[in-house]
Amino acid sequence: MSEIKLVAEARTEFGKGAARRIRRADKIPAVLYGHGSDPLHVTLPGHATMLALKHSNALFSIEFEGTSQLAITKDVQRDPVRNVIEHVDLLIVKKGEKVAVDIPVVVTGESAPGTIHLVDLQTLAVEAEATHLPESIEVSIEGLEAGSQILAGDVPLPTGTTLTADAELLVVSVTEPQAEATEGESAESAEEAPAAEAAAE
């Protein structure tokens, strides 16, 4: 996806009280670091940043005092109760360099009739070009039978992306739903109950 431009402002106040005031002004405290530069403490526009962070591994163009820096998200701190973004860590990147990131796994297709699939790994650890990070990695289960497994090493990756996770890690497995057997047993038990009552009489 293309760069998402965010205009940053210098942050001079620190501490919990200052952070609350920043958030009340619909801004988000952030730090920009990397490539040997001193950490740069800034604030970002709240609504625009929140929308941008909905895109996994988004590439940002941070505009600050007449300069522009490319950056990716390294960490997002959220309030666990209100789900409000409290702080963002941004890593400065350069075009052409590769960075290590976790890419969300998206399952596509339908497994064989009468089966279900279980996602064992929600993200894949990969190395990819900083300015061409995949937003997600698709894993197809189309037509797979019960007992099928897809390992990390089996997942096709976009051009320029290499796997850094263990290739033997289980990503998706296809199995038969256990609930059906339980329901069947319940039905048999229900049929046996009247017979048992009749025998007792």
N, C-alpha and C. Protein backbone atom coordinates (compact mmCIF):
# COMPACT_ATOMS: atom_id res chain seq x y z
N MET A 1 0.84 -1.18 0.00
CA MET A 1 0.00 0.00 0.00
C MET A 1 0.89 1.24 0.00
N SER A 2 0.33 2.39 -0.39
CA SER A 2 1.11 3.62 -0.48
C SER A 2 1.36 4.20 0.90
N GLU A 3 2.28 5.16 0.96
CA GLU A 3 2.62 5.78 2.24
C GLU A 3 1.42 6.55 2.80
N ILE A 4 1.29 6.50 4.12
CA ILE A 4 0.25 7.26 4.80
C ILE A 4 0.92 8.46 5.46
N LYS A 5 0.54 9.65 5.03
CA LYS A 5 1.19 10.86 5.57
C LYS A 5 0.55 11.28 6.89
N LEU A 6 1.40 11.52 7.88
CA LEU A 6 0.95 12.04 9.16
C LEU A 6 1.84 13.22 9.54
N VAL A 7 1.23 14.31 9.96
CA VAL A 7 1.99 15.49 10.36
C VAL A 7 2.22 15.43 11.87
N ALA A 8 3.49 15.39 12.26
CA ALA A 8 3.86 15.29 13.67
C ALA A 8 4.21 16.65 14.24
N GLU A 9 4.02 16.80 15.54
CA GLU A 9 4.41 18.01 16.25
C GLU A 9 5.35 17.63 17.38
N ALA A 10 6.27 18.53 17.72
CA ALA A 10 7.22 18.27 18.81
C ALA A 10 6.48 18.11 20.13
N ARG A 11 6.97 17.18 20.95
CA ARG A 11 6.37 16.97 22.28
C ARG A 11 7.36 17.43 23.33
N THR A 12 6.94 18.38 24.14
CA THR A 12 7.83 18.94 25.16
C THR A 12 7.41 18.54 26.57
N GLU A 13 6.15 18.07 26.72
CA GLU A 13 5.66 17.65 28.03
C GLU A 13 5.72 16.13 28.13
N PHE A 14 6.09 15.64 29.32
CA PHE A 14 6.17 14.20 29.50
C PHE A 14 5.48 13.80 30.81
N GLY A 15 5.26 12.51 30.98
CA GLY A 15 4.57 12.03 32.18
C GLY A 15 3.11 11.72 31.89
N LYS A 16 2.46 11.06 32.86
CA LYS A 16 1.07 10.60 32.67
C LYS A 16 0.11 11.78 32.48
N GLY A 17 0.31 12.84 33.27
CA GLY A 17 -0.59 13.99 33.16
C GLY A 17 -0.50 14.64 31.79
N ALA A 18 0.73 14.78 31.29
CA ALA A 18 0.93 15.38 29.97
C ALA A 18 0.33 14.49 28.89
N ALA A 19 0.49 13.16 29.04
CA ALA A 19 -0.06 12.23 28.05
C ALA A 19 -1.58 12.33 28.00
N ARG A 20 -2.20 12.49 29.18
CA ARG A 20 -3.67 12.62 29.21
C ARG A 20 -4.11 13.90 28.51
N ARG A 21 -3.38 14.99 28.74
CA ARG A 21 -3.73 16.25 28.09
C ARG A 21 -3.58 16.14 26.57
N ILE A 22 -2.55 15.44 26.13
CA ILE A 22 -2.34 15.25 24.69
C ILE A 22 -3.50 14.47 24.08
N ARG A 23 -3.93 13.40 24.79
CA ARG A 23 -5.03 12.57 24.25
C ARG A 23 -6.35 13.33 24.27
N ARG A 24 -6.54 14.19 25.30
CA ARG A 24 -7.77 14.99 25.34
C ARG A 24 -7.84 15.95 24.16
N ALA A 25 -6.68 16.34 23.64
CA ALA A 25 -6.63 17.24 22.49
C ALA A 25 -6.70 16.45 21.17
N ASP A 26 -7.12 15.18 21.24
CA ASP A 26 -7.23 14.30 20.08
C ASP A 26 -5.88 14.13 19.38
N LYS A 27 -4.83 13.94 20.19
CA LYS A 27 -3.51 13.65 19.66
C LYS A 27 -2.96 12.43 20.38
N ILE A 28 -1.94 11.81 19.80
CA ILE A 28 -1.37 10.59 20.37
C ILE A 28 0.13 10.78 20.58
N PRO A 29 0.63 10.53 21.79
CA PRO A 29 2.08 10.60 22.02
C PRO A 29 2.79 9.51 21.21
N ALA A 30 3.95 9.83 20.66
CA ALA A 30 4.70 8.85 19.86
C ALA A 30 6.19 9.14 19.96
N VAL A 31 6.98 8.12 19.64
CA VAL A 31 8.43 8.30 19.57
C VAL A 31 8.91 7.73 18.25
N LEU A 32 9.80 8.44 17.61
CA LEU A 32 10.35 8.06 16.30
C LEU A 32 11.84 7.79 16.49
N TYR A 33 12.30 6.59 16.13
CA TYR A 33 13.70 6.26 16.38
C TYR A 33 14.24 5.35 15.27
N GLY A 34 15.55 5.16 15.27
CA GLY A 34 16.18 4.25 14.31
C GLY A 34 17.26 4.92 13.50
N HIS A 35 18.09 4.09 12.84
CA HIS A 35 19.19 4.55 11.99
C HIS A 35 20.15 5.47 12.73
N GLY A 36 20.37 5.17 14.01
CA GLY A 36 21.38 5.90 14.77
C GLY A 36 20.98 7.28 15.24
N SER A 37 19.77 7.69 14.94
CA SER A 37 19.33 9.03 15.35
C SER A 37 18.79 8.99 16.77
N ASP A 38 18.83 10.14 17.45
CA ASP A 38 18.27 10.23 18.79
C ASP A 38 16.75 10.05 18.70
N PRO A 39 16.14 9.40 19.70
CA PRO A 39 14.68 9.26 19.69
C PRO A 39 14.00 10.63 19.61
N LEU A 40 13.02 10.74 18.75
CA LEU A 40 12.30 12.00 18.56
C LEU A 40 10.91 11.85 19.14
N HIS A 41 10.61 12.62 20.19
CA HIS A 41 9.30 12.54 20.86
C HIS A 41 8.35 13.52 20.20
N VAL A 42 7.23 13.00 19.70
CA VAL A 42 6.29 13.81 18.94
C VAL A 42 4.86 13.48 19.35
N THR A 43 3.92 14.26 18.83
CA THR A 43 2.51 13.90 18.91
C THR A 43 1.99 13.75 17.49
N LEU A 44 1.04 12.82 17.34
CA LEU A 44 0.43 12.56 16.03
C LEU A 44 -1.06 12.87 16.09
N PRO A 45 -1.66 13.23 14.95
CA PRO A 45 -3.11 13.49 14.94
C PRO A 45 -3.89 12.23 15.31
N GLY A 46 -4.74 12.33 16.33
CA GLY A 46 -5.41 11.15 16.88
C GLY A 46 -6.24 10.34 15.90
N HIS A 47 -7.22 10.99 15.26
CA HIS A 47 -8.15 10.24 14.40
C HIS A 47 -7.43 9.65 13.19
N ALA A 48 -6.58 10.45 12.55
CA ALA A 48 -5.87 9.98 11.35
C ALA A 48 -4.94 8.81 11.70
N THR A 49 -4.28 8.88 12.86
CA THR A 49 -3.38 7.81 13.27
C THR A 49 -4.16 6.53 13.58
N MET A 50 -5.29 6.69 14.26
CA MET A 50 -6.12 5.53 14.60
C MET A 50 -6.58 4.81 13.33
N LEU A 51 -7.01 5.57 12.32
CA LEU A 51 -7.44 4.96 11.06
C LEU A 51 -6.28 4.29 10.36
N ALA A 52 -5.11 4.93 10.38
CA ALA A 52 -3.93 4.38 9.70
C ALA A 52 -3.49 3.06 10.33
N LEU A 53 -3.61 2.96 11.66
CA LEU A 53 -3.15 1.76 12.36
C LEU A 53 -4.08 0.56 12.16
N LYS A 54 -5.22 0.79 11.52
CA LYS A 54 -6.08 -0.34 11.17
C LYS A 54 -5.45 -1.18 10.07
N HIS A 55 -4.50 -0.59 9.33
CA HIS A 55 -3.78 -1.32 8.29
C HIS A 55 -2.53 -1.95 8.90
N SER A 56 -2.46 -3.27 8.82
CA SER A 56 -1.30 -3.95 9.38
C SER A 56 -0.04 -3.60 8.60
N ASN A 57 1.05 -3.30 9.34
CA ASN A 57 2.35 -2.98 8.73
C ASN A 57 2.29 -1.83 7.73
N ALA A 58 1.50 -0.82 8.08
CA ALA A 58 1.39 0.36 7.21
C ALA A 58 2.72 1.10 7.16
N LEU A 59 2.99 1.73 6.02
CA LEU A 59 4.19 2.55 5.84
C LEU A 59 3.78 4.02 6.00
N PHE A 60 4.42 4.71 6.94
CA PHE A 60 4.09 6.10 7.21
C PHE A 60 5.13 7.04 6.65
N SER A 61 4.68 8.20 6.22
CA SER A 61 5.57 9.31 5.90
C SER A 61 5.29 10.35 6.98
N ILE A 62 6.23 10.47 7.93
CA ILE A 62 6.05 11.39 9.05
C ILE A 62 6.63 12.75 8.69
N GLU A 63 5.74 13.73 8.57
CA GLU A 63 6.15 15.10 8.23
C GLU A 63 6.40 15.85 9.54
N PHE A 64 7.64 16.36 9.69
CA PHE A 64 7.98 17.04 10.94
C PHE A 64 8.95 18.18 10.67
N GLU A 65 8.49 19.39 10.96
CA GLU A 65 9.32 20.61 10.83
C GLU A 65 10.06 20.68 9.50
N GLY A 66 9.32 20.47 8.42
CA GLY A 66 9.88 20.61 7.09
C GLY A 66 10.63 19.40 6.57
N THR A 67 10.72 18.35 7.38
CA THR A 67 11.39 17.12 6.93
C THR A 67 10.37 15.99 6.83
N SER A 68 10.76 14.92 6.16
CA SER A 68 9.89 13.75 6.00
C SER A 68 10.69 12.49 6.27
N GLN A 69 10.14 11.61 7.10
CA GLN A 69 10.79 10.34 7.44
C GLN A 69 9.83 9.20 7.16
N LEU A 70 10.34 8.15 6.50
CA LEU A 70 9.55 6.94 6.35
C LEU A 70 9.66 6.13 7.63
N ALA A 71 8.54 5.55 8.07
CA ALA A 71 8.56 4.79 9.32
C ALA A 71 7.48 3.71 9.30
N ILE A 72 7.71 2.68 10.11
CA ILE A 72 6.70 1.64 10.31
C ILE A 72 6.43 1.52 11.81
N THR A 73 5.30 0.95 12.16
CA THR A 73 4.94 0.78 13.57
C THR A 73 5.71 -0.38 14.18
N LYS A 74 6.32 -0.15 15.33
CA LYS A 74 6.98 -1.23 16.07
C LYS A 74 6.18 -1.64 17.29
N ASP A 75 5.43 -0.71 17.87
CA ASP A 75 4.64 -1.06 19.05
C ASP A 75 3.51 -0.05 19.23
N VAL A 76 2.35 -0.57 19.61
CA VAL A 76 1.19 0.29 19.90
C VAL A 76 0.69 -0.08 21.29
N GLN A 77 0.69 0.88 22.20
CA GLN A 77 0.18 0.65 23.55
C GLN A 77 -1.26 1.14 23.61
N ARG A 78 -2.16 0.25 24.05
CA ARG A 78 -3.58 0.59 24.14
C ARG A 78 -4.07 0.41 25.57
N ASP A 79 -5.06 1.21 25.94
CA ASP A 79 -5.73 1.01 27.21
C ASP A 79 -6.54 -0.28 27.11
N PRO A 80 -6.30 -1.28 27.96
CA PRO A 80 -6.98 -2.58 27.81
C PRO A 80 -8.48 -2.52 28.02
N VAL A 81 -8.96 -1.51 28.73
CA VAL A 81 -10.40 -1.41 29.00
C VAL A 81 -11.11 -0.60 27.90
N ARG A 82 -10.59 0.59 27.63
CA ARG A 82 -11.26 1.48 26.66
C ARG A 82 -10.75 1.30 25.24
N ASN A 83 -9.68 0.52 25.06
CA ASN A 83 -9.08 0.27 23.74
C ASN A 83 -8.63 1.57 23.06
N VAL A 84 -8.25 2.55 23.88
CA VAL A 84 -7.75 3.82 23.37
C VAL A 84 -6.23 3.70 23.16
N ILE A 85 -5.74 4.25 22.05
CA ILE A 85 -4.30 4.21 21.79
C ILE A 85 -3.61 5.19 22.74
N GLU A 86 -2.66 4.67 23.53
CA GLU A 86 -1.97 5.52 24.51
C GLU A 86 -0.61 6.00 24.01
N HIS A 87 0.06 5.19 23.19
CA HIS A 87 1.40 5.56 22.73
C HIS A 87 1.76 4.71 21.53
N VAL A 88 2.55 5.29 20.62
CA VAL A 88 2.99 4.57 19.42
C VAL A 88 4.50 4.69 19.28
N ASP A 89 5.17 3.55 19.04
CA ASP A 89 6.60 3.55 18.71
C ASP A 89 6.75 3.37 17.20
N LEU A 90 7.48 4.27 16.57
CA LEU A 90 7.68 4.21 15.13
C LEU A 90 9.16 4.01 14.82
N LEU A 91 9.46 3.10 13.90
CA LEU A 91 10.83 2.81 13.50
C LEU A 91 11.12 3.46 12.16
N ILE A 92 12.16 4.29 12.10
CA ILE A 92 12.56 4.92 10.84
C ILE A 92 13.11 3.86 9.89
N VAL A 93 12.67 3.89 8.64
CA VAL A 93 13.16 2.93 7.64
C VAL A 93 13.59 3.67 6.38
N LYS A 94 14.38 2.99 5.57
CA LYS A 94 14.85 3.54 4.30
C LYS A 94 14.36 2.66 3.17
N LYS A 95 14.17 3.26 2.00
CA LYS A 95 13.77 2.48 0.83
C LYS A 95 14.86 1.47 0.50
N GLY A 96 14.45 0.23 0.25
CA GLY A 96 15.40 -0.81 -0.13
C GLY A 96 15.86 -1.67 1.03
N GLU A 97 15.77 -1.16 2.26
CA GLU A 97 16.24 -1.98 3.39
C GLU A 97 15.17 -3.00 3.78
N LYS A 98 15.61 -4.10 4.41
CA LYS A 98 14.68 -5.13 4.85
C LYS A 98 14.52 -5.06 6.36
N VAL A 99 13.31 -5.33 6.81
CA VAL A 99 13.01 -5.31 8.25
C VAL A 99 12.26 -6.58 8.63
N ALA A 100 12.38 -6.95 9.90
CA ALA A 100 11.68 -8.14 10.41
C ALA A 100 10.32 -7.70 10.95
N VAL A 101 9.27 -8.35 10.49
CA VAL A 101 7.90 -8.01 10.91
C VAL A 101 7.08 -9.29 11.04
N ASP A 102 5.95 -9.17 11.73
CA ASP A 102 4.97 -10.26 11.82
C ASP A 102 3.79 -9.89 10.92
N ILE A 103 3.47 -10.80 9.99
CA ILE A 103 2.39 -10.54 9.03
C ILE A 103 1.17 -11.40 9.39
N PRO A 104 -0.03 -10.80 9.50
CA PRO A 104 -1.22 -11.58 9.82
C PRO A 104 -1.52 -12.64 8.74
N VAL A 105 -1.98 -13.81 9.21
CA VAL A 105 -2.37 -14.90 8.30
C VAL A 105 -3.86 -14.79 8.01
N VAL A 106 -4.22 -14.85 6.73
CA VAL A 106 -5.63 -14.82 6.31
C VAL A 106 -5.94 -16.12 5.58
N VAL A 107 -6.89 -16.89 6.10
CA VAL A 107 -7.25 -18.17 5.49
C VAL A 107 -8.29 -17.94 4.40
N THR A 108 -8.05 -18.53 3.22
CA THR A 108 -9.00 -18.40 2.10
C THR A 108 -9.45 -19.78 1.65
N GLY A 109 -10.60 -19.83 0.97
CA GLY A 109 -11.10 -21.09 0.42
C GLY A 109 -11.91 -21.89 1.44
N GLU A 110 -12.41 -23.04 0.97
CA GLU A 110 -13.23 -23.93 1.80
C GLU A 110 -12.58 -25.30 1.83
N SER A 111 -12.44 -25.87 3.02
CA SER A 111 -11.91 -27.22 3.11
C SER A 111 -13.00 -28.21 2.69
N ALA A 112 -12.67 -29.50 2.60
CA ALA A 112 -13.60 -30.52 2.11
C ALA A 112 -14.87 -30.52 2.96
N PRO A 113 -16.02 -30.90 2.35
CA PRO A 113 -17.28 -30.95 3.11
C PRO A 113 -17.15 -31.81 4.37
N GLY A 114 -17.75 -31.34 5.47
CA GLY A 114 -17.71 -32.10 6.71
C GLY A 114 -16.47 -31.88 7.54
N THR A 115 -15.64 -30.91 7.12
CA THR A 115 -14.42 -30.61 7.89
C THR A 115 -14.43 -29.18 8.37
N ILE A 116 -13.58 -28.90 9.34
CA ILE A 116 -13.37 -27.53 9.80
C ILE A 116 -11.87 -27.27 9.83
N HIS A 117 -11.49 -25.99 9.87
CA HIS A 117 -10.07 -25.68 9.94
C HIS A 117 -9.76 -24.93 11.24
N LEU A 118 -8.56 -25.15 11.74
CA LEU A 118 -8.10 -24.49 12.96
C LEU A 118 -6.84 -23.69 12.63
N VAL A 119 -6.84 -22.42 12.99
CA VAL A 119 -5.68 -21.57 12.75
C VAL A 119 -4.78 -21.62 13.98
N ASP A 120 -3.62 -22.23 13.85
CA ASP A 120 -2.70 -22.38 14.98
C ASP A 120 -1.73 -21.22 15.09
N LEU A 121 -1.50 -20.51 13.99
CA LEU A 121 -0.56 -19.40 13.97
C LEU A 121 -1.24 -18.20 13.33
N GLN A 122 -1.46 -17.15 14.14
CA GLN A 122 -2.18 -15.97 13.65
C GLN A 122 -1.31 -15.06 12.78
N THR A 123 0.02 -15.09 13.02
CA THR A 123 0.95 -14.26 12.24
C THR A 123 2.18 -15.07 11.86
N LEU A 124 2.84 -14.65 10.79
CA LEU A 124 4.08 -15.28 10.34
C LEU A 124 5.23 -14.28 10.48
N ALA A 125 6.32 -14.70 11.08
CA ALA A 125 7.50 -13.85 11.20
C ALA A 125 8.28 -13.92 9.88
N VAL A 126 8.46 -12.76 9.25
CA VAL A 126 9.14 -12.72 7.96
C VAL A 126 10.10 -11.53 7.92
N GLU A 127 10.89 -11.49 6.86
CA GLU A 127 11.72 -10.32 6.57
C GLU A 127 11.30 -9.82 5.20
N ALA A 128 11.03 -8.53 5.11
CA ALA A 128 10.54 -7.97 3.85
C ALA A 128 11.06 -6.55 3.67
N GLU A 129 11.00 -6.08 2.43
CA GLU A 129 11.45 -4.71 2.15
C GLU A 129 10.54 -3.73 2.87
N ALA A 130 11.15 -2.79 3.59
CA ALA A 130 10.39 -1.88 4.45
C ALA A 130 9.30 -1.11 3.72
N THR A 131 9.55 -0.77 2.47
CA THR A 131 8.56 0.03 1.73
C THR A 131 7.58 -0.83 0.94
N HIS A 132 7.68 -2.17 1.09
CA HIS A 132 6.74 -3.07 0.42
C HIS A 132 6.31 -4.19 1.36
N LEU A 133 5.91 -3.81 2.56
CA LEU A 133 5.50 -4.82 3.53
C LEU A 133 4.09 -5.34 3.19
N PRO A 134 3.92 -6.66 3.12
CA PRO A 134 2.57 -7.19 2.86
C PRO A 134 1.66 -6.90 4.05
N GLU A 135 0.41 -6.56 3.76
CA GLU A 135 -0.54 -6.30 4.84
C GLU A 135 -1.02 -7.60 5.46
N SER A 136 -1.04 -8.67 4.65
CA SER A 136 -1.43 -9.99 5.14
C SER A 136 -0.85 -11.05 4.21
N ILE A 137 -0.87 -12.30 4.68
CA ILE A 137 -0.42 -13.43 3.87
C ILE A 137 -1.56 -14.43 3.77
N GLU A 138 -1.96 -14.77 2.54
CA GLU A 138 -3.09 -15.67 2.34
C GLU A 138 -2.64 -17.13 2.37
N VAL A 139 -3.44 -17.94 3.07
CA VAL A 139 -3.20 -19.38 3.15
C VAL A 139 -4.48 -20.06 2.65
N SER A 140 -4.39 -20.78 1.53
CA SER A 140 -5.57 -21.42 0.95
C SER A 140 -5.76 -22.82 1.52
N ILE A 141 -7.01 -23.11 1.93
CA ILE A 141 -7.36 -24.45 2.41
C ILE A 141 -8.35 -25.12 1.45
N GLU A 142 -8.48 -24.57 0.26
CA GLU A 142 -9.47 -25.03 -0.71
C GLU A 142 -9.36 -26.55 -0.93
N GLY A 143 -10.46 -27.28 -0.60
CA GLY A 143 -10.54 -28.71 -0.88
C GLY A 143 -9.72 -29.61 0.02
N LEU A 144 -9.06 -29.08 1.04
CA LEU A 144 -8.22 -29.93 1.88
C LEU A 144 -9.07 -30.89 2.71
N GLU A 145 -8.58 -32.13 2.83
CA GLU A 145 -9.28 -33.17 3.58
C GLU A 145 -8.87 -33.13 5.05
N ALA A 146 -9.68 -33.80 5.90
CA ALA A 146 -9.36 -33.91 7.32
C ALA A 146 -7.98 -34.55 7.49
N GLY A 147 -7.22 -34.01 8.41
CA GLY A 147 -5.86 -34.51 8.64
C GLY A 147 -4.80 -33.68 7.92
N SER A 148 -5.23 -32.80 7.02
CA SER A 148 -4.27 -31.96 6.29
C SER A 148 -3.67 -30.91 7.21
N GLN A 149 -2.41 -30.60 7.00
CA GLN A 149 -1.73 -29.57 7.77
C GLN A 149 -0.94 -28.66 6.84
N ILE A 150 -0.93 -27.38 7.16
CA ILE A 150 -0.10 -26.43 6.41
C ILE A 150 0.93 -25.87 7.38
N LEU A 151 2.20 -26.09 7.07
CA LEU A 151 3.29 -25.61 7.91
C LEU A 151 3.78 -24.25 7.39
N ALA A 152 4.53 -23.55 8.22
CA ALA A 152 5.03 -22.23 7.83
C ALA A 152 5.83 -22.29 6.54
N GLY A 153 6.60 -23.36 6.37
CA GLY A 153 7.42 -23.50 5.17
C GLY A 153 6.62 -23.78 3.91
N ASP A 154 5.33 -24.15 4.08
CA ASP A 154 4.48 -24.44 2.92
C ASP A 154 3.78 -23.19 2.39
N VAL A 155 3.79 -22.12 3.17
CA VAL A 155 3.00 -20.93 2.82
C VAL A 155 3.72 -20.13 1.72
N PRO A 156 3.04 -19.89 0.59
CA PRO A 156 3.66 -19.07 -0.47
C PRO A 156 3.76 -17.62 -0.01
N LEU A 157 4.94 -17.04 -0.15
CA LEU A 157 5.18 -15.67 0.30
C LEU A 157 5.30 -14.72 -0.89
N PRO A 158 4.92 -13.45 -0.70
CA PRO A 158 5.06 -12.47 -1.78
C PRO A 158 6.53 -12.31 -2.19
N THR A 159 6.75 -11.88 -3.41
CA THR A 159 8.11 -11.63 -3.90
C THR A 159 8.84 -10.66 -2.98
N GLY A 160 10.08 -10.99 -2.65
CA GLY A 160 10.87 -10.12 -1.80
C GLY A 160 10.69 -10.36 -0.32
N THR A 161 9.83 -11.33 0.03
CA THR A 161 9.58 -11.65 1.44
C THR A 161 10.14 -13.02 1.76
N THR A 162 10.90 -13.13 2.84
CA THR A 162 11.48 -14.42 3.23
C THR A 162 11.02 -14.78 4.64
N LEU A 163 10.83 -16.07 4.87
CA LEU A 163 10.37 -16.57 6.15
C LEU A 163 11.50 -16.56 7.17
N THR A 164 11.24 -16.03 8.36
CA THR A 164 12.23 -16.10 9.44
C THR A 164 11.75 -17.01 10.56
N ALA A 165 10.47 -17.35 10.56
CA ALA A 165 9.92 -18.28 11.55
C ALA A 165 10.40 -19.70 11.22
N ASP A 166 10.27 -20.60 12.20
CA ASP A 166 10.60 -22.01 11.99
C ASP A 166 9.68 -22.58 10.92
N ALA A 167 10.26 -23.17 9.88
CA ALA A 167 9.47 -23.70 8.76
C ALA A 167 8.55 -24.83 9.18
N GLU A 168 8.83 -25.47 10.34
CA GLU A 168 8.02 -26.61 10.81
C GLU A 168 6.84 -26.17 11.68
N LEU A 169 6.70 -24.87 11.93
CA LEU A 169 5.57 -24.41 12.74
C LEU A 169 4.25 -24.68 12.04
N LEU A 170 3.27 -25.20 12.80
CA LEU A 170 1.94 -25.47 12.24
C LEU A 170 1.16 -24.17 12.11
N VAL A 171 0.66 -23.89 10.90
CA VAL A 171 -0.11 -22.67 10.66
C VAL A 171 -1.60 -22.96 10.68
N VAL A 172 -2.04 -23.91 9.86
CA VAL A 172 -3.46 -24.28 9.78
C VAL A 172 -3.58 -25.80 9.71
N SER A 173 -4.57 -26.33 10.42
CA SER A 173 -4.86 -27.76 10.32
C SER A 173 -6.34 -27.95 9.98
N VAL A 174 -6.63 -29.03 9.26
CA VAL A 174 -8.01 -29.35 8.87
C VAL A 174 -8.42 -30.63 9.60
N THR A 175 -9.58 -30.61 10.23
CA THR A 175 -10.02 -31.76 11.01
C THR A 175 -11.53 -31.93 10.90
N GLU A 176 -12.03 -33.02 11.47
CA GLU A 176 -13.48 -33.22 11.52
C GLU A 176 -14.00 -32.62 12.81
N PRO A 177 -15.15 -31.95 12.76
CA PRO A 177 -15.68 -31.32 13.98
C PRO A 177 -16.05 -32.37 15.02
N GLN A 178 -15.59 -32.19 16.25
CA GLN A 178 -15.87 -33.13 17.33
C GLN A 178 -17.30 -33.00 17.84
N ALA A 179 -17.88 -31.83 17.63
CA ALA A 179 -19.22 -31.57 18.17
C ALA A 179 -20.24 -32.55 17.63
N GLU A 180 -20.07 -32.98 16.36
CA GLU A 180 -21.05 -33.88 15.76
C GLU A 180 -21.10 -35.21 16.49
N ALA A 181 -19.93 -35.71 16.88
CA ALA A 181 -19.88 -36.98 17.61
C ALA A 181 -20.56 -36.83 18.96
N THR A 182 -20.36 -35.68 19.60
CA THR A 182 -20.97 -35.43 20.91
C THR A 182 -22.48 -35.38 20.79
N GLU A 183 -22.96 -34.69 19.74
CA GLU A 183 -24.41 -34.60 19.53
C GLU A 183 -25.00 -35.97 19.27
N GLY A 184 -24.28 -36.79 18.52
CA GLY A 184 -24.75 -38.13 18.22
C GLY A 184 -24.87 -38.96 19.49
N GLU A 185 -23.86 -38.83 20.36
CA GLU A 185 -23.88 -39.56 21.62
C GLU A 185 -25.04 -39.09 22.48
N SER A 186 -25.32 -37.78 22.46
CA SER A 186 -26.42 -37.23 23.25
C SER A 186 -27.75 -37.79 22.78
N ALA A 187 -27.88 -37.91 21.44
CA ALA A 187 -29.12 -38.44 20.87
C ALA A 187 -29.32 -39.89 21.30
N GLU A 188 -28.22 -40.70 21.27
CA GLU A 188 -28.32 -42.10 21.67
C GLU A 188 -28.70 -42.20 23.14
N SER A 189 -28.14 -41.31 23.96
CA SER A 189 -28.44 -41.33 25.39
C SER A 189 -29.90 -41.00 25.62
N ALA A 190 -30.43 -40.03 24.81
CA ALA A 190 -31.82 -39.64 24.95
C ALA A 190 -32.75 -40.79 24.60
N GLU A 191 -32.35 -41.60 23.57
CA GLU A 191 -33.17 -42.74 23.17
C GLU A 191 -33.13 -43.84 24.24
N GLU A 192 -31.96 -43.98 24.88
CA GLU A 192 -31.82 -45.04 25.89
C GLU A 192 -32.55 -44.70 27.18
N ALA A 193 -32.73 -43.39 27.46
CA ALA A 193 -33.35 -42.97 28.73
C ALA A 193 -34.74 -43.52 28.93
N PRO A 194 -35.69 -43.39 27.93
CA PRO A 194 -37.05 -43.93 28.15
C PRO A 194 -37.02 -45.45 28.38
N ALA A 195 -36.11 -46.14 27.67
CA ALA A 195 -36.03 -47.59 27.81
C ALA A 195 -35.59 -47.95 29.22
N ALA A 196 -34.66 -47.18 29.75
CA ALA A 196 -34.18 -47.44 31.12
C ALA A 196 -35.29 -47.20 32.12
N GLU A 197 -36.08 -46.11 31.88
CA GLU A 197 -37.19 -45.80 32.80
C GLU A 197 -38.23 -46.92 32.76
N ALA A 198 -38.52 -47.43 31.55
CA ALA A 198 -39.51 -48.50 31.40
C ALA A 198 -39.05 -49.75 32.14
N ALA A 199 -37.76 -50.05 32.06
CA ALA A 199 -37.21 -51.23 32.72
C ALA A 199 -37.32 -51.09 34.22
N ALA A 200 -37.13 -49.85 34.70
CA ALA A 200 -37.20 -49.62 36.16
C ALA A 200 -38.61 -49.83 36.67
N GLU A 201 -39.62 -49.46 35.83
CA GLU A 201 -41.03 -49.65 36.23
C GLU A 201 -41.38 -51.13 36.25
